[in-house]
């Protein structure tokens, strides 16, 4: 079993910053990728940023230049630094990971965190 535990959401004023964290634990052989998605009210879940092992990162156009994804591989943790937040960034943010589990036959599974609310409002 693998668990993803998120933290760092909350209420912030427009222009402010937040940092989300997501720690993976359990039967992990190797993490192939980690990403952040968000679910805006009335819309489908969308990819915010992703980090693939080897260093490649990708961002949604709406957050480029404002958000930064980073990983601490020793801690199996991914972060999302969110700067210059806007009211339209208000959403539930979900951590996602593609993990090779440490059980024969070492399948790659997709895991999701429980979600953390980010509210940008004055």
N, C-alpha and C. Protein backbone atom coordinates (compact mmCIF):
# COMPACT_ATOMS: atom_id res chain seq x y z
N UNK A 1 0.82 -1.19 0.00
CA UNK A 1 0.00 0.00 0.00
C UNK A 1 0.86 1.25 0.00
N UNK A 2 0.39 2.26 -0.71
CA UNK A 2 1.07 3.55 -0.78
C UNK A 2 0.08 4.63 -0.40
N UNK A 3 0.54 5.60 0.36
CA UNK A 3 -0.30 6.73 0.74
C UNK A 3 0.37 8.03 0.32
N UNK A 4 -0.46 8.99 -0.08
CA UNK A 4 0.00 10.34 -0.36
C UNK A 4 -0.70 11.27 0.63
N UNK A 5 0.08 12.02 1.37
CA UNK A 5 -0.48 12.92 2.37
C UNK A 5 -0.08 14.35 2.03
N UNK A 6 -1.08 15.18 1.84
CA UNK A 6 -0.86 16.57 1.45
C UNK A 6 -0.99 17.50 2.64
N UNK A 7 -0.34 18.65 2.53
CA UNK A 7 -0.49 19.69 3.53
C UNK A 7 -0.17 21.04 2.89
N UNK A 8 -0.57 22.11 3.56
CA UNK A 8 -0.16 23.44 3.14
C UNK A 8 -1.23 24.32 2.54
N UNK A 9 -2.44 23.80 2.37
CA UNK A 9 -3.50 24.64 1.83
C UNK A 9 -3.97 25.67 2.85
N UNK A 10 -4.88 26.54 2.40
CA UNK A 10 -5.43 27.53 3.31
C UNK A 10 -5.99 28.72 2.58
N UNK A 11 -6.20 29.78 3.34
CA UNK A 11 -6.75 31.03 2.82
C UNK A 11 -5.63 32.05 2.69
N UNK A 12 -5.57 32.69 1.53
CA UNK A 12 -4.53 33.69 1.30
C UNK A 12 -5.13 34.82 0.48
N UNK A 13 -4.59 36.02 0.65
CA UNK A 13 -5.07 37.17 -0.11
C UNK A 13 -4.48 37.16 -1.52
N UNK A 14 -5.17 37.78 -2.46
CA UNK A 14 -4.61 37.89 -3.81
C UNK A 14 -3.22 38.50 -3.78
N UNK A 15 -2.32 37.92 -4.56
CA UNK A 15 -0.93 38.35 -4.58
C UNK A 15 -0.05 37.62 -3.58
N UNK A 16 -0.67 36.84 -2.71
CA UNK A 16 0.09 36.13 -1.70
C UNK A 16 0.67 34.82 -2.20
N UNK A 17 1.28 34.08 -1.28
CA UNK A 17 1.95 32.83 -1.62
C UNK A 17 1.55 31.71 -0.68
N UNK A 18 1.61 30.50 -1.19
CA UNK A 18 1.42 29.29 -0.38
C UNK A 18 2.35 28.22 -0.92
N UNK A 19 2.73 27.29 -0.06
CA UNK A 19 3.48 26.13 -0.51
C UNK A 19 2.76 24.87 -0.07
N UNK A 20 2.44 24.05 -1.06
CA UNK A 20 1.83 22.76 -0.80
C UNK A 20 2.91 21.68 -0.74
N UNK A 21 2.68 20.69 0.11
CA UNK A 21 3.58 19.55 0.22
C UNK A 21 2.78 18.27 0.07
N UNK A 22 3.43 17.26 -0.47
CA UNK A 22 2.80 15.94 -0.61
C UNK A 22 3.87 14.89 -0.38
N UNK A 23 3.69 14.09 0.66
CA UNK A 23 4.66 13.05 1.00
C UNK A 23 4.09 11.67 0.68
N UNK A 24 4.86 10.89 -0.03
CA UNK A 24 4.47 9.52 -0.35
C UNK A 24 5.13 8.56 0.63
N UNK A 25 4.38 7.57 1.06
CA UNK A 25 4.94 6.58 1.98
C UNK A 25 4.32 5.22 1.69
N UNK A 26 4.99 4.19 2.19
CA UNK A 26 4.48 2.84 2.00
C UNK A 26 5.43 1.99 1.18
N UNK A 27 4.84 1.08 0.43
CA UNK A 27 5.62 0.10 -0.32
C UNK A 27 6.08 0.68 -1.66
N UNK A 28 7.10 1.50 -1.60
CA UNK A 28 7.58 2.23 -2.78
C UNK A 28 8.91 1.65 -3.25
N UNK A 29 8.96 1.27 -4.52
CA UNK A 29 10.23 0.87 -5.13
C UNK A 29 10.88 2.08 -5.79
N UNK A 30 10.08 2.77 -6.60
CA UNK A 30 10.58 3.98 -7.25
C UNK A 30 9.41 4.84 -7.68
N UNK A 31 9.59 6.15 -7.58
CA UNK A 31 8.56 7.08 -8.03
C UNK A 31 8.91 7.55 -9.43
N UNK A 32 8.00 7.33 -10.36
CA UNK A 32 8.26 7.71 -11.75
C UNK A 32 7.93 9.17 -12.01
N UNK A 33 6.87 9.64 -11.42
CA UNK A 33 6.48 11.04 -11.61
C UNK A 33 5.59 11.46 -10.46
N UNK A 34 5.58 12.76 -10.23
CA UNK A 34 4.66 13.34 -9.26
C UNK A 34 4.08 14.60 -9.87
N UNK A 35 2.87 14.91 -9.50
CA UNK A 35 2.19 16.04 -10.14
C UNK A 35 1.16 16.63 -9.19
N UNK A 36 0.74 17.82 -9.54
CA UNK A 36 -0.36 18.49 -8.84
C UNK A 36 -1.48 18.76 -9.83
N UNK A 37 -2.69 18.43 -9.42
CA UNK A 37 -3.89 18.74 -10.17
C UNK A 37 -4.75 19.65 -9.30
N UNK A 38 -5.72 20.30 -9.92
CA UNK A 38 -6.68 21.06 -9.14
C UNK A 38 -8.07 20.92 -9.74
N UNK A 39 -9.03 21.04 -8.84
CA UNK A 39 -10.43 20.92 -9.25
C UNK A 39 -11.11 22.24 -8.92
N UNK A 40 -11.37 23.02 -9.97
CA UNK A 40 -12.03 24.29 -9.79
C UNK A 40 -13.54 24.08 -9.75
N UNK A 41 -14.26 24.91 -9.02
CA UNK A 41 -15.72 24.77 -8.95
C UNK A 41 -16.37 24.77 -10.32
N UNK A 42 -17.16 23.75 -10.62
CA UNK A 42 -17.88 23.70 -11.89
C UNK A 42 -17.05 23.26 -13.07
N UNK A 43 -15.80 22.86 -12.83
CA UNK A 43 -14.94 22.45 -13.93
C UNK A 43 -14.33 21.08 -13.66
N UNK A 44 -13.73 20.50 -14.69
CA UNK A 44 -13.07 19.22 -14.52
C UNK A 44 -11.70 19.43 -13.87
N UNK A 45 -11.21 18.36 -13.27
CA UNK A 45 -9.88 18.41 -12.67
C UNK A 45 -8.85 18.69 -13.76
N UNK A 46 -7.90 19.58 -13.48
CA UNK A 46 -6.90 19.93 -14.48
C UNK A 46 -5.49 19.79 -13.92
N UNK A 47 -4.56 19.49 -14.82
CA UNK A 47 -3.16 19.37 -14.44
C UNK A 47 -2.58 20.76 -14.21
N UNK A 48 -1.93 20.95 -13.07
CA UNK A 48 -1.29 22.22 -12.75
C UNK A 48 0.20 22.16 -13.08
N UNK A 49 0.86 21.11 -12.58
CA UNK A 49 2.30 20.98 -12.80
C UNK A 49 2.69 19.52 -12.60
N UNK A 50 3.72 19.10 -13.30
CA UNK A 50 4.19 17.72 -13.17
C UNK A 50 5.71 17.70 -13.16
N UNK A 51 6.24 16.69 -12.49
CA UNK A 51 7.68 16.50 -12.40
C UNK A 51 7.99 15.04 -12.65
N UNK A 52 8.76 14.79 -13.71
CA UNK A 52 9.11 13.42 -14.08
C UNK A 52 10.54 13.15 -13.61
N UNK A 53 10.78 11.94 -13.12
CA UNK A 53 12.13 11.57 -12.69
C UNK A 53 13.10 11.81 -13.84
N UNK A 54 14.17 12.50 -13.56
CA UNK A 54 15.10 12.91 -14.60
C UNK A 54 15.12 14.41 -14.75
N UNK A 55 14.12 15.08 -14.13
CA UNK A 55 14.19 16.53 -14.06
C UNK A 55 13.23 17.31 -14.91
N UNK A 56 12.43 16.67 -15.73
CA UNK A 56 11.52 17.41 -16.60
C UNK A 56 10.29 17.87 -15.82
N UNK A 57 9.98 19.15 -15.95
CA UNK A 57 8.79 19.72 -15.32
C UNK A 57 7.92 20.37 -16.38
N UNK A 58 6.62 20.29 -16.16
CA UNK A 58 5.67 20.92 -17.07
C UNK A 58 4.62 21.68 -16.26
N UNK A 59 4.11 22.75 -16.85
CA UNK A 59 3.15 23.60 -16.16
C UNK A 59 1.98 23.94 -17.07
N UNK A 60 0.83 24.12 -16.45
CA UNK A 60 -0.31 24.67 -17.18
C UNK A 60 0.01 26.12 -17.54
N UNK A 61 -0.48 26.57 -18.67
CA UNK A 61 -0.20 27.94 -19.11
C UNK A 61 -0.65 28.96 -18.08
N UNK A 62 -1.73 28.66 -17.38
CA UNK A 62 -2.30 29.61 -16.43
C UNK A 62 -1.44 29.85 -15.20
N UNK A 63 -0.45 28.96 -14.96
CA UNK A 63 0.38 29.11 -13.75
C UNK A 63 1.85 29.32 -14.07
N UNK A 64 2.22 29.27 -15.33
CA UNK A 64 3.63 29.45 -15.70
C UNK A 64 4.14 30.79 -15.20
N UNK A 65 5.34 30.75 -14.60
CA UNK A 65 5.93 31.97 -14.07
C UNK A 65 5.49 32.31 -12.67
N UNK A 66 4.44 31.62 -12.17
CA UNK A 66 3.95 31.90 -10.82
C UNK A 66 4.13 30.69 -9.89
N UNK A 67 3.97 29.50 -10.42
CA UNK A 67 4.06 28.27 -9.62
C UNK A 67 5.35 27.53 -9.97
N UNK A 68 5.91 26.86 -8.97
CA UNK A 68 7.10 26.05 -9.17
C UNK A 68 6.93 24.70 -8.48
N UNK A 69 7.12 23.62 -9.24
CA UNK A 69 7.08 22.28 -8.66
C UNK A 69 8.50 21.82 -8.39
N UNK A 70 8.69 21.17 -7.25
CA UNK A 70 10.01 20.64 -6.92
C UNK A 70 9.83 19.35 -6.13
N UNK A 71 10.91 18.57 -6.09
CA UNK A 71 10.85 17.28 -5.41
C UNK A 71 12.06 17.11 -4.51
N UNK A 72 11.82 16.43 -3.40
CA UNK A 72 12.89 15.95 -2.53
C UNK A 72 12.82 14.44 -2.62
N UNK A 73 13.68 13.87 -3.45
CA UNK A 73 13.60 12.42 -3.71
C UNK A 73 13.93 11.60 -2.47
N UNK A 74 14.79 12.13 -1.62
CA UNK A 74 15.15 11.40 -0.40
C UNK A 74 13.96 11.26 0.54
N UNK A 75 13.03 12.22 0.46
CA UNK A 75 11.86 12.20 1.32
C UNK A 75 10.60 11.76 0.59
N UNK A 76 10.74 11.41 -0.70
CA UNK A 76 9.56 11.04 -1.51
C UNK A 76 8.48 12.11 -1.42
N UNK A 77 8.90 13.34 -1.53
CA UNK A 77 7.99 14.47 -1.33
C UNK A 77 8.05 15.41 -2.54
N UNK A 78 6.87 15.92 -2.90
CA UNK A 78 6.78 16.92 -3.94
C UNK A 78 6.17 18.18 -3.35
N UNK A 79 6.64 19.32 -3.84
CA UNK A 79 6.17 20.61 -3.36
C UNK A 79 5.59 21.41 -4.52
N UNK A 80 4.68 22.30 -4.19
CA UNK A 80 4.20 23.26 -5.17
C UNK A 80 4.25 24.63 -4.53
N UNK A 81 5.21 25.43 -4.96
CA UNK A 81 5.33 26.80 -4.49
C UNK A 81 4.45 27.67 -5.36
N UNK A 82 3.48 28.32 -4.76
CA UNK A 82 2.52 29.13 -5.51
C UNK A 82 2.69 30.59 -5.10
N UNK A 83 3.09 31.40 -6.06
CA UNK A 83 3.29 32.83 -5.82
C UNK A 83 2.29 33.64 -6.64
N UNK A 84 2.14 34.90 -6.27
CA UNK A 84 1.24 35.81 -6.98
C UNK A 84 -0.12 35.15 -7.22
N UNK A 85 -0.68 34.63 -6.16
CA UNK A 85 -1.94 33.90 -6.28
C UNK A 85 -3.08 34.82 -6.68
N UNK A 86 -3.99 34.26 -7.46
CA UNK A 86 -5.15 34.99 -7.97
C UNK A 86 -6.43 34.30 -7.49
N UNK A 87 -7.53 35.03 -7.43
CA UNK A 87 -8.79 34.38 -7.02
C UNK A 87 -9.15 33.18 -7.88
N UNK A 88 -8.77 33.20 -9.15
CA UNK A 88 -9.09 32.06 -10.03
C UNK A 88 -8.24 30.83 -9.75
N UNK A 89 -7.27 30.95 -8.85
CA UNK A 89 -6.50 29.78 -8.41
C UNK A 89 -7.23 29.02 -7.30
N UNK A 90 -8.33 29.58 -6.81
CA UNK A 90 -9.10 28.91 -5.77
C UNK A 90 -9.59 27.56 -6.26
N UNK A 91 -9.25 26.52 -5.53
CA UNK A 91 -9.59 25.16 -5.95
C UNK A 91 -9.16 24.18 -4.87
N UNK A 92 -9.56 22.93 -5.04
CA UNK A 92 -9.00 21.84 -4.25
C UNK A 92 -7.82 21.29 -5.05
N UNK A 93 -6.67 21.23 -4.43
CA UNK A 93 -5.45 20.78 -5.09
C UNK A 93 -5.15 19.34 -4.66
N UNK A 94 -4.86 18.51 -5.65
CA UNK A 94 -4.61 17.09 -5.43
C UNK A 94 -3.20 16.71 -5.87
N UNK A 95 -2.56 15.93 -5.06
CA UNK A 95 -1.28 15.35 -5.42
C UNK A 95 -1.51 14.04 -6.16
N UNK A 96 -0.67 13.79 -7.15
CA UNK A 96 -0.77 12.57 -7.95
C UNK A 96 0.62 11.98 -8.11
N UNK A 97 0.72 10.67 -8.09
CA UNK A 97 2.03 10.05 -8.27
C UNK A 97 1.89 8.73 -9.04
N UNK A 98 2.85 8.50 -9.92
CA UNK A 98 2.99 7.22 -10.61
C UNK A 98 4.14 6.50 -9.92
N UNK A 99 3.81 5.40 -9.23
CA UNK A 99 4.79 4.75 -8.37
C UNK A 99 4.92 3.28 -8.72
N UNK A 100 6.17 2.85 -8.82
CA UNK A 100 6.44 1.42 -8.94
C UNK A 100 6.45 0.85 -7.53
N UNK A 101 5.49 -0.01 -7.25
CA UNK A 101 5.37 -0.53 -5.89
C UNK A 101 6.38 -1.65 -5.67
N UNK A 102 6.80 -1.78 -4.43
CA UNK A 102 7.88 -2.71 -4.08
C UNK A 102 7.36 -4.10 -3.76
N UNK A 103 6.46 -4.57 -4.60
CA UNK A 103 5.94 -5.93 -4.44
C UNK A 103 5.93 -6.59 -5.81
N UNK A 104 6.40 -7.84 -5.86
CA UNK A 104 6.43 -8.58 -7.13
C UNK A 104 5.01 -8.64 -7.69
N UNK A 105 4.75 -8.34 -8.96
CA UNK A 105 5.71 -8.11 -10.04
C UNK A 105 6.08 -6.65 -10.26
N UNK A 106 6.11 -5.83 -9.22
CA UNK A 106 6.51 -4.43 -9.28
C UNK A 106 5.66 -3.63 -10.26
N UNK A 107 4.36 -3.62 -10.03
CA UNK A 107 3.50 -2.86 -10.94
C UNK A 107 3.64 -1.36 -10.72
N UNK A 108 3.33 -0.61 -11.76
CA UNK A 108 3.24 0.84 -11.65
C UNK A 108 1.79 1.21 -11.45
N UNK A 109 1.50 1.90 -10.37
CA UNK A 109 0.13 2.30 -10.04
C UNK A 109 0.05 3.81 -9.90
N UNK A 110 -1.16 4.32 -10.06
CA UNK A 110 -1.42 5.74 -9.88
C UNK A 110 -2.08 5.96 -8.54
N UNK A 111 -1.58 6.93 -7.81
CA UNK A 111 -2.10 7.24 -6.48
C UNK A 111 -2.49 8.72 -6.41
N UNK A 112 -3.48 9.00 -5.56
CA UNK A 112 -3.96 10.36 -5.35
C UNK A 112 -3.97 10.70 -3.87
N UNK A 113 -3.67 11.96 -3.58
CA UNK A 113 -3.83 12.45 -2.23
C UNK A 113 -5.28 12.77 -1.95
N UNK A 114 -5.55 13.19 -0.73
CA UNK A 114 -6.92 13.44 -0.29
C UNK A 114 -7.43 14.81 -0.73
N UNK A 115 -6.52 15.66 -1.17
CA UNK A 115 -6.91 17.01 -1.60
C UNK A 115 -6.75 18.02 -0.48
N UNK A 116 -6.35 19.23 -0.87
CA UNK A 116 -6.22 20.31 0.10
C UNK A 116 -6.81 21.59 -0.53
N UNK A 117 -7.59 22.29 0.24
CA UNK A 117 -8.30 23.47 -0.26
C UNK A 117 -7.37 24.69 -0.26
N UNK A 118 -7.34 25.37 -1.38
CA UNK A 118 -6.65 26.66 -1.50
C UNK A 118 -7.71 27.70 -1.87
N UNK A 119 -7.80 28.72 -1.05
CA UNK A 119 -8.76 29.80 -1.29
C UNK A 119 -8.02 31.12 -1.36
N UNK A 120 -8.21 31.82 -2.47
CA UNK A 120 -7.56 33.11 -2.67
C UNK A 120 -8.65 34.18 -2.66
N UNK A 121 -8.66 34.96 -1.62
CA UNK A 121 -9.74 35.93 -1.45
C UNK A 121 -9.31 37.04 -0.50
N UNK A 122 -9.82 38.23 -0.76
CA UNK A 122 -9.54 39.34 0.14
C UNK A 122 -10.66 39.48 1.17
